[in-house]
Amino acid sequence: MGKLWAYRAQTEPFIHIDSDVFLWKRLPEALERAPVCAQNPEWFPTEDESWYRPATYDRAIQSVGGWAPEEWAWSTSRNFAEAVCCGVLGGAAVDFLAYYADLAIQMIEHPRNRAAWLSLGSSIGDNILFEQYLLAACLEFHRRRPGSPFSHVHAAYLFPSSDDAFDESSAARAGYTHLIGGAKNDPQLMARLRARVRRDYPDQYVRCLACVGEDEATGVDERA
């Protein structure tokens, strides 16, 4: 929700970088100037083989007479199976991004949907439906409608696919690190990341240590 509120609040071209993303190089100029820029597109074959569960959520919404925007209804009725990975997200089409973020917030907060969310339980992993799946649905829905004010909006990507984004050599060329899921708890990865930040960004490294109360020489938490 914090990210959606941040997207909706912007009035000038912007790029949002997730807190688990490290950008070692500037993004390509073409990406910075795109209407929408993001990490990579995603495709998922079936719910059984994916983190995405749009059909499950759609059934839950319909079962309680809930509310969803027309972009959602259009996508789920067609078994739309695309998403936008938002490790980085932004662009020049701030009106479109605010529109999409507002739809997602409305969908999450709508009073008629509360019973649907309760029936599904609390699954933090499903947040990608509202941030990443709905964004792809909005892009494709409006692209197909010449009269839409957003028909011209398209997305440009740092990587052409998820496989490329998480390929070590491809990510190294782009100067991009995204610590997804369990990678945040991998001691070896975190040690490499810490050493890289300390070597390449010593001033920022010291500031980070100060924020968490560690001593630079020992790496010991002084609050312990």
C-alpha atoms as a PDB file:
ATOM      1  CA  MET A   1       0.000   0.000   0.000  1.00  0.00           C
ATOM      2  CA  GLY A   2       2.867   2.352   0.744  1.00  0.00           C
ATOM      3  CA  LYS A   3       4.207   1.959  -2.783  1.00  0.00           C
ATOM      4  CA  LEU A   4       0.780   2.495  -4.335  1.00  0.00           C
ATOM      5  CA  TRP A   5       0.265   5.664  -2.313  1.00  0.00           C
ATOM      6  CA  ALA A   6       3.716   6.857  -3.390  1.00  0.00           C
ATOM      7  CA  TYR A   7       2.958   6.201  -7.073  1.00  0.00           C
ATOM      8  CA  ARG A   8      -0.364   8.023  -6.819  1.00  0.00           C
ATOM      9  CA  ALA A   9       1.166  11.079  -5.151  1.00  0.00           C
ATOM     10  CA  GLN A  10       3.666  11.891  -7.924  1.00  0.00           C
ATOM     11  CA  THR A  11       3.026  14.854 -10.225  1.00  0.00           C
ATOM     12  CA  GLU A  12       6.292  14.796 -12.200  1.00  0.00           C
ATOM     13  CA  PRO A  13       8.210  12.000 -13.958  1.00  0.00           C
ATOM     14  CA  PHE A  14       9.746   9.690 -11.358  1.00  0.00           C
ATOM     15  CA  ILE A  15      11.372   6.335 -10.708  1.00  0.00           C
ATOM     16  CA  HIS A  16      10.665   4.349  -7.551  1.00  0.00           C
ATOM     17  CA  ILE A  17      13.341   1.865  -6.478  1.00  0.00           C
ATOM     18  CA  ASP A  18      12.428  -0.925  -4.068  1.00  0.00           C
ATOM     19  CA  SER A  19      14.303  -1.098  -0.781  1.00  0.00           C
ATOM     20  CA  ASP A  20      15.745  -4.491  -1.792  1.00  0.00           C
ATOM     21  CA  VAL A  21      17.073  -3.161  -5.117  1.00  0.00           C
ATOM     22  CA  PHE A  22      20.624  -1.838  -5.559  1.00  0.00           C
ATOM     23  CA  LEU A  23      21.256   0.219  -8.666  1.00  0.00           C
ATOM     24  CA  TRP A  24      24.990   0.349  -9.369  1.00  0.00           C
ATOM     25  CA  LYS A  25      24.645   2.115 -12.729  1.00  0.00           C
ATOM     26  CA  ARG A  26      22.292   4.778 -14.017  1.00  0.00           C
ATOM     27  CA  LEU A  27      19.298   3.434 -15.909  1.00  0.00           C
ATOM     28  CA  PRO A  28      19.462   3.759 -19.720  1.00  0.00           C
ATOM     29  CA  GLU A  29      18.222   7.133 -20.946  1.00  0.00           C
ATOM     30  CA  ALA A  30      15.515   5.534 -23.098  1.00  0.00           C
ATOM     31  CA  LEU A  31      14.144   3.821 -19.996  1.00  0.00           C
ATOM     32  CA  GLU A  32      14.165   7.044 -17.985  1.00  0.00           C
ATOM     33  CA  ARG A  33      12.161   8.800 -20.722  1.00  0.00           C
ATOM     34  CA  ALA A  34       9.588   6.032 -21.252  1.00  0.00           C
ATOM     35  CA  PRO A  35       5.915   6.541 -20.365  1.00  0.00           C
ATOM     36  CA  VAL A  36       6.266   3.617 -17.941  1.00  0.00           C
ATOM     37  CA  CYS A  37       9.568   1.987 -16.986  1.00  0.00           C
ATOM     38  CA  ALA A  38       9.917  -1.193 -14.966  1.00  0.00           C
ATOM     39  CA  GLN A  39      12.232  -4.089 -14.196  1.00  0.00           C
ATOM     40  CA  ASN A  40      10.832  -6.744 -16.556  1.00  0.00           C
ATOM     41  CA  PRO A  41       7.610  -8.210 -17.939  1.00  0.00           C
ATOM     42  CA  GLU A  42       6.314 -11.445 -16.458  1.00  0.00           C
ATOM     43  CA  TRP A  43       4.146 -14.195 -17.928  1.00  0.00           C
ATOM     44  CA  PHE A  44       2.544 -17.024 -15.993  1.00  0.00           C
ATOM     45  CA  PRO A  45       0.947 -20.105 -17.600  1.00  0.00           C
ATOM     46  CA  THR A  46      -1.538 -21.239 -14.927  1.00  0.00           C
ATOM     47  CA  GLU A  47      -2.326 -20.445 -11.306  1.00  0.00           C
ATOM     48  CA  ASP A  48      -1.064 -23.869 -10.285  1.00  0.00           C
ATOM     49  CA  GLU A  49       2.381 -22.959 -11.606  1.00  0.00           C
ATOM     50  CA  SER A  50       2.506 -19.322 -10.536  1.00  0.00           C
ATOM     51  CA  TRP A  51       2.552 -16.882  -7.638  1.00  0.00           C
ATOM     52  CA  TYR A  52      -0.318 -15.043  -9.345  1.00  0.00           C
ATOM     53  CA  ARG A  53      -3.897 -16.007  -8.466  1.00  0.00           C
ATOM     54  CA  PRO A  54      -6.203 -13.603 -10.343  1.00  0.00           C
ATOM     55  CA  ALA A  55      -8.966 -16.170 -10.974  1.00  0.00           C
ATOM     56  CA  THR A  56      -9.050 -17.136  -7.287  1.00  0.00           C
ATOM     57  CA  TYR A  57      -9.382 -13.503  -6.257  1.00  0.00           C
ATOM     58  CA  ASP A  58     -11.943 -12.785  -8.940  1.00  0.00           C
ATOM     59  CA  ARG A  59     -14.146 -15.652  -7.761  1.00  0.00           C
ATOM     60  CA  ALA A  60     -13.889 -14.405  -4.183  1.00  0.00           C
ATOM     61  CA  ILE A  61     -14.868 -10.863  -5.206  1.00  0.00           C
ATOM     62  CA  GLN A  62     -17.831 -12.041  -7.250  1.00  0.00           C
ATOM     63  CA  SER A  63     -19.033 -14.410  -4.506  1.00  0.00           C
ATOM     64  CA  VAL A  64     -19.564 -11.496  -2.098  1.00  0.00           C
ATOM     65  CA  GLY A  65     -20.785  -8.929  -4.645  1.00  0.00           C
ATOM     66  CA  GLY A  66     -17.513  -7.031  -4.379  1.00  0.00           C
ATOM     67  CA  TRP A  67     -16.051  -4.350  -6.605  1.00  0.00           C
ATOM     68  CA  ALA A  68     -13.293  -4.430  -9.218  1.00  0.00           C
ATOM     69  CA  PRO A  69     -12.387  -1.931 -11.963  1.00  0.00           C
ATOM     70  CA  GLU A  70     -13.241  -2.681 -15.573  1.00  0.00           C
ATOM     71  CA  GLU A  71      -9.568  -3.322 -16.338  1.00  0.00           C
ATOM     72  CA  TRP A  72      -9.567  -6.170 -13.806  1.00  0.00           C
ATOM     73  CA  ALA A  73     -12.853  -7.615 -15.101  1.00  0.00           C
ATOM     74  CA  TRP A  74     -11.562  -7.454 -18.669  1.00  0.00           C
ATOM     75  CA  SER A  75      -8.304  -9.221 -17.813  1.00  0.00           C
ATOM     76  CA  THR A  76      -9.749 -12.018 -15.688  1.00  0.00           C
ATOM     77  CA  SER A  77     -12.505 -12.755 -18.219  1.00  0.00           C
ATOM     78  CA  ARG A  78      -9.794 -13.373 -20.833  1.00  0.00           C
ATOM     79  CA  ASN A  79      -7.421 -15.388 -18.646  1.00  0.00           C
ATOM     80  CA  PHE A  80      -4.902 -12.583 -19.030  1.00  0.00           C
ATOM     81  CA  ALA A  81      -1.575 -13.910 -17.757  1.00  0.00           C
ATOM     82  CA  GLU A  82       0.871 -11.015 -17.744  1.00  0.00           C
ATOM     83  CA  ALA A  83       2.368  -8.807 -15.056  1.00  0.00           C
ATOM     84  CA  VAL A  84       4.965  -6.083 -14.606  1.00  0.00           C
ATOM     85  CA  CYS A  85       7.801  -6.682 -12.125  1.00  0.00           C
ATOM     86  CA  CYS A  86       8.075  -3.482 -10.101  1.00  0.00           C
ATOM     87  CA  GLY A  87      11.559  -3.728  -8.613  1.00  0.00           C
ATOM     88  CA  VAL A  88      11.845  -0.359 -10.275  1.00  0.00           C
ATOM     89  CA  LEU A  89       8.753   1.458 -11.487  1.00  0.00           C
ATOM     90  CA  GLY A  90       8.075   4.935 -12.757  1.00  0.00           C
ATOM     91  CA  GLY A  91       7.938   6.929 -15.928  1.00  0.00           C
ATOM     92  CA  ALA A  92       6.786  10.095 -17.618  1.00  0.00           C
ATOM     93  CA  ALA A  93       3.100   9.090 -17.808  1.00  0.00           C
ATOM     94  CA  VAL A  94       2.402  10.207 -14.250  1.00  0.00           C
ATOM     95  CA  ASP A  95      -1.321  10.609 -14.933  1.00  0.00           C
ATOM     96  CA  PHE A  96      -1.594   6.978 -16.010  1.00  0.00           C
ATOM     97  CA  LEU A  97       0.480   5.723 -13.088  1.00  0.00           C
ATOM     98  CA  ALA A  98      -1.652   7.724 -10.637  1.00  0.00           C
ATOM     99  CA  TYR A  99      -4.814   6.361 -12.282  1.00  0.00           C
ATOM    100  CA  TYR A 100      -3.617   2.755 -12.008  1.00  0.00           C
ATOM    101  CA  ALA A 101      -2.447   3.187  -8.404  1.00  0.00           C
ATOM    102  CA  ASP A 102      -5.775   4.730  -7.456  1.00  0.00           C
ATOM    103  CA  LEU A 103      -7.637   1.736  -8.922  1.00  0.00           C
ATOM    104  CA  ALA A 104      -5.462  -0.654  -6.937  1.00  0.00           C
ATOM    105  CA  ILE A 105      -6.017   1.286  -3.698  1.00  0.00           C
ATOM    106  CA  GLN A 106      -9.771   1.444  -4.288  1.00  0.00           C
ATOM    107  CA  MET A 107      -9.885  -2.275  -4.956  1.00  0.00           C
ATOM    108  CA  ILE A 108      -7.975  -3.124  -1.774  1.00  0.00           C
ATOM    109  CA  GLU A 109      -9.933  -0.736   0.456  1.00  0.00           C
ATOM    110  CA  HIS A 110     -13.441  -1.115  -1.006  1.00  0.00           C
ATOM    111  CA  PRO A 111     -15.882  -2.036   1.792  1.00  0.00           C
ATOM    112  CA  ARG A 112     -17.639  -4.663  -0.343  1.00  0.00           C
ATOM    113  CA  ASN A 113     -14.339  -6.507  -0.857  1.00  0.00           C
ATOM    114  CA  ARG A 114     -13.574  -6.988   2.828  1.00  0.00           C
ATOM    115  CA  ALA A 115     -15.506 -10.241   3.033  1.00  0.00           C
ATOM    116  CA  ALA A 116     -13.587 -11.549   0.015  1.00  0.00           C
ATOM    117  CA  TRP A 117     -10.224 -10.760   1.585  1.00  0.00           C
ATOM    118  CA  LEU A 118     -11.294 -12.425   4.854  1.00  0.00           C
ATOM    119  CA  SER A 119     -12.363 -15.557   3.022  1.00  0.00           C
ATOM    120  CA  LEU A 120      -8.982 -15.783   1.276  1.00  0.00           C
ATOM    121  CA  GLY A 121      -6.928 -15.258   4.423  1.00  0.00           C
ATOM    122  CA  SER A 122      -3.884 -13.043   4.811  1.00  0.00           C
ATOM    123  CA  SER A 123      -1.337 -13.856   2.135  1.00  0.00           C
ATOM    124  CA  ILE A 124       1.385 -11.244   1.747  1.00  0.00           C
ATOM    125  CA  GLY A 125       2.473 -12.877  -1.494  1.00  0.00           C
ATOM    126  CA  ASP A 126      -0.768 -11.880  -3.194  1.00  0.00           C
ATOM    127  CA  ASN A 127       0.102  -8.186  -3.068  1.00  0.00           C
ATOM    128  CA  ILE A 128       1.613  -8.659  -6.532  1.00  0.00           C
ATOM    129  CA  LEU A 129      -1.904  -9.004  -7.955  1.00  0.00           C
ATOM    130  CA  PHE A 130      -2.725  -5.397  -7.116  1.00  0.00           C
ATOM    131  CA  GLU A 131       0.653  -3.891  -7.910  1.00  0.00           C
ATOM    132  CA  GLN A 132       1.999  -5.963 -10.789  1.00  0.00           C
ATOM    133  CA  TYR A 133      -0.881  -7.876 -12.406  1.00  0.00           C
ATOM    134  CA  LEU A 134      -3.312  -4.941 -12.376  1.00  0.00           C
ATOM    135  CA  LEU A 135      -0.652  -2.666 -13.886  1.00  0.00           C
ATOM    136  CA  ALA A 136      -0.172  -5.004 -16.849  1.00  0.00           C
ATOM    137  CA  ALA A 137      -3.941  -5.310 -17.223  1.00  0.00           C
ATOM    138  CA  CYS A 138      -4.336  -1.524 -17.281  1.00  0.00           C
ATOM    139  CA  LEU A 139      -1.603  -1.136 -19.906  1.00  0.00           C
ATOM    140  CA  GLU A 140      -3.119  -3.761 -22.199  1.00  0.00           C
ATOM    141  CA  PHE A 141      -6.747  -2.712 -21.641  1.00  0.00           C
ATOM    142  CA  HIS A 142      -6.110   0.918 -22.598  1.00  0.00           C
ATOM    143  CA  ARG A 143      -3.738   0.040 -25.444  1.00  0.00           C
ATOM    144  CA  ARG A 144      -6.640  -1.696 -27.165  1.00  0.00           C
ATOM    145  CA  ARG A 145      -8.939   1.351 -26.865  1.00  0.00           C
ATOM    146  CA  PRO A 146      -8.078   4.149 -29.306  1.00  0.00           C
ATOM    147  CA  GLY A 147     -10.397   6.579 -27.495  1.00  0.00           C
ATOM    148  CA  SER A 148      -8.709   6.092 -24.121  1.00  0.00           C
ATOM    149  CA  PRO A 149      -6.494   8.921 -22.851  1.00  0.00           C
ATOM    150  CA  PHE A 150      -3.964   6.193 -22.026  1.00  0.00           C
ATOM    151  CA  SER A 151      -3.991   4.317 -25.339  1.00  0.00           C
ATOM    152  CA  HIS A 152      -0.501   5.626 -26.149  1.00  0.00           C
ATOM    153  CA  VAL A 153       1.039   4.509 -22.857  1.00  0.00           C
ATOM    154  CA  HIS A 154       3.479   1.627 -23.070  1.00  0.00           C
ATOM    155  CA  ALA A 155       6.106   0.127 -20.786  1.00  0.00           C
ATOM    156  CA  ALA A 156       9.848  -0.109 -21.366  1.00  0.00           C
ATOM    157  CA  TYR A 157      11.883  -2.651 -19.419  1.00  0.00           C
ATOM    158  CA  LEU A 158      15.397  -2.911 -18.056  1.00  0.00           C
ATOM    159  CA  PHE A 159      15.298  -6.663 -18.774  1.00  0.00           C
ATOM    160  CA  PRO A 160      13.235  -8.509 -21.408  1.00  0.00           C
ATOM    161  CA  SER A 161      12.211 -11.302 -19.010  1.00  0.00           C
ATOM    162  CA  SER A 162      12.459 -12.591 -15.444  1.00  0.00           C
ATOM    163  CA  ASP A 163      15.169 -15.027 -16.501  1.00  0.00           C
ATOM    164  CA  ASP A 164      17.304 -12.156 -17.797  1.00  0.00           C
ATOM    165  CA  ALA A 165      16.693 -10.079 -14.674  1.00  0.00           C
ATOM    166  CA  PHE A 166      18.003 -12.857 -12.446  1.00  0.00           C
ATOM    167  CA  ASP A 167      20.803 -14.015 -14.686  1.00  0.00           C
ATOM    168  CA  GLU A 168      24.039 -12.997 -12.967  1.00  0.00           C
ATOM    169  CA  SER A 169      25.856 -11.827 -16.088  1.00  0.00           C
ATOM    170  CA  SER A 170      22.833  -9.923 -17.416  1.00  0.00           C
ATOM    171  CA  ALA A 171      22.263  -8.223 -14.079  1.00  0.00           C
ATOM    172  CA  ALA A 172      25.974  -7.355 -13.805  1.00  0.00           C
ATOM    173  CA  ARG A 173      25.926  -5.659 -17.217  1.00  0.00           C
ATOM    174  CA  ALA A 174      22.928  -3.594 -16.159  1.00  0.00           C
ATOM    175  CA  GLY A 175      24.475  -2.804 -12.777  1.00  0.00           C
ATOM    176  CA  TYR A 176      21.403  -4.110 -10.989  1.00  0.00           C
ATOM    177  CA  THR A 177      20.832  -6.256  -7.894  1.00  0.00           C
ATOM    178  CA  HIS A 178      17.374  -7.291  -6.685  1.00  0.00           C
ATOM    179  CA  LEU A 179      17.257  -9.408  -3.534  1.00  0.00           C
ATOM    180  CA  ILE A 180      14.037 -11.375  -3.917  1.00  0.00           C
ATOM    181  CA  GLY A 181      12.517 -13.593  -1.239  1.00  0.00           C
ATOM    182  CA  GLY A 182      15.001 -15.769   0.642  1.00  0.00           C
ATOM    183  CA  ALA A 183      18.000 -13.974  -0.871  1.00  0.00           C
ATOM    184  CA  LYS A 184      17.602 -11.341   1.845  1.00  0.00           C
ATOM    185  CA  ASN A 185      18.423 -14.011   4.440  1.00  0.00           C
ATOM    186  CA  ASP A 186      21.407 -15.538   2.653  1.00  0.00           C
ATOM    187  CA  PRO A 187      24.511 -14.757   4.779  1.00  0.00           C
ATOM    188  CA  GLN A 188      26.940 -15.080   1.849  1.00  0.00           C
ATOM    189  CA  LEU A 189      24.926 -12.791  -0.413  1.00  0.00           C
ATOM    190  CA  MET A 190      24.510 -10.216   2.334  1.00  0.00           C
ATOM    191  CA  ALA A 191      28.243 -10.283   3.095  1.00  0.00           C
ATOM    192  CA  ARG A 192      29.047  -9.695  -0.596  1.00  0.00           C
ATOM    193  CA  LEU A 193      26.540  -6.869  -0.769  1.00  0.00           C
ATOM    194  CA  ARG A 194      27.880  -5.250   2.378  1.00  0.00           C
ATOM    195  CA  ALA A 195      31.464  -5.437   1.085  1.00  0.00           C
ATOM    196  CA  ARG A 196      30.414  -3.914  -2.258  1.00  0.00           C
ATOM    197  CA  VAL A 197      28.657  -0.972  -0.627  1.00  0.00           C
ATOM    198  CA  ARG A 198      31.574  -0.413   1.747  1.00  0.00           C
ATOM    199  CA  ARG A 199      34.065  -0.427  -1.154  1.00  0.00           C
ATOM    200  CA  ASP A 200      32.139   1.636  -3.709  1.00  0.00           C
ATOM    201  CA  TYR A 201      30.075   3.916  -1.467  1.00  0.00           C
ATOM    202  CA  PRO A 202      32.026   4.448   1.765  1.00  0.00           C
ATOM    203  CA  ASP A 203      30.154   7.588   2.839  1.00  0.00           C
ATOM    204  CA  GLN A 204      26.761   5.967   2.364  1.00  0.00           C
ATOM    205  CA  TYR A 205      28.036   2.845   4.086  1.00  0.00           C
ATOM    206  CA  VAL A 206      28.887   4.818   7.218  1.00  0.00           C
ATOM    207  CA  ARG A 207      25.466   6.446   7.128  1.00  0.00           C
ATOM    208  CA  CYS A 208      23.807   3.038   6.907  1.00  0.00           C
ATOM    209  CA  LEU A 209      25.773   1.801   9.907  1.00  0.00           C
ATOM    210  CA  ALA A 210      24.754   4.878  11.873  1.00  0.00           C
ATOM    211  CA  CYS A 211      21.101   4.202  11.072  1.00  0.00           C
ATOM    212  CA  VAL A 212      21.283   0.684  12.539  1.00  0.00           C
ATOM    213  CA  GLY A 213      23.625   1.580  15.401  1.00  0.00           C
ATOM    214  CA  GLU A 214      26.675  -0.390  14.286  1.00  0.00           C
ATOM    215  CA  ASP A 215      30.322   0.520  14.738  1.00  0.00           C
ATOM    216  CA  GLU A 216      32.256   0.806  11.447  1.00  0.00           C
ATOM    217  CA  ALA A 217      35.392  -0.921  12.716  1.00  0.00           C
ATOM    218  CA  THR A 218      33.770  -3.933  14.307  1.00  0.00           C
ATOM    219  CA  GLY A 219      30.372  -4.187  12.672  1.00  0.00           C
ATOM    220  CA  VAL A 220      28.971  -4.782  16.174  1.00  0.00           C
ATOM    221  CA  ASP A 221      25.554  -3.453  17.094  1.00  0.00           C
ATOM    222  CA  GLU A 222      26.288  -0.917  19.820  1.00  0.00           C
ATOM    223  CA  ARG A 223      22.733  -1.095  21.080  1.00  0.00           C
ATOM    224  CA  ALA A 224      23.004  -4.787  21.967  1.00  0.00           C
END
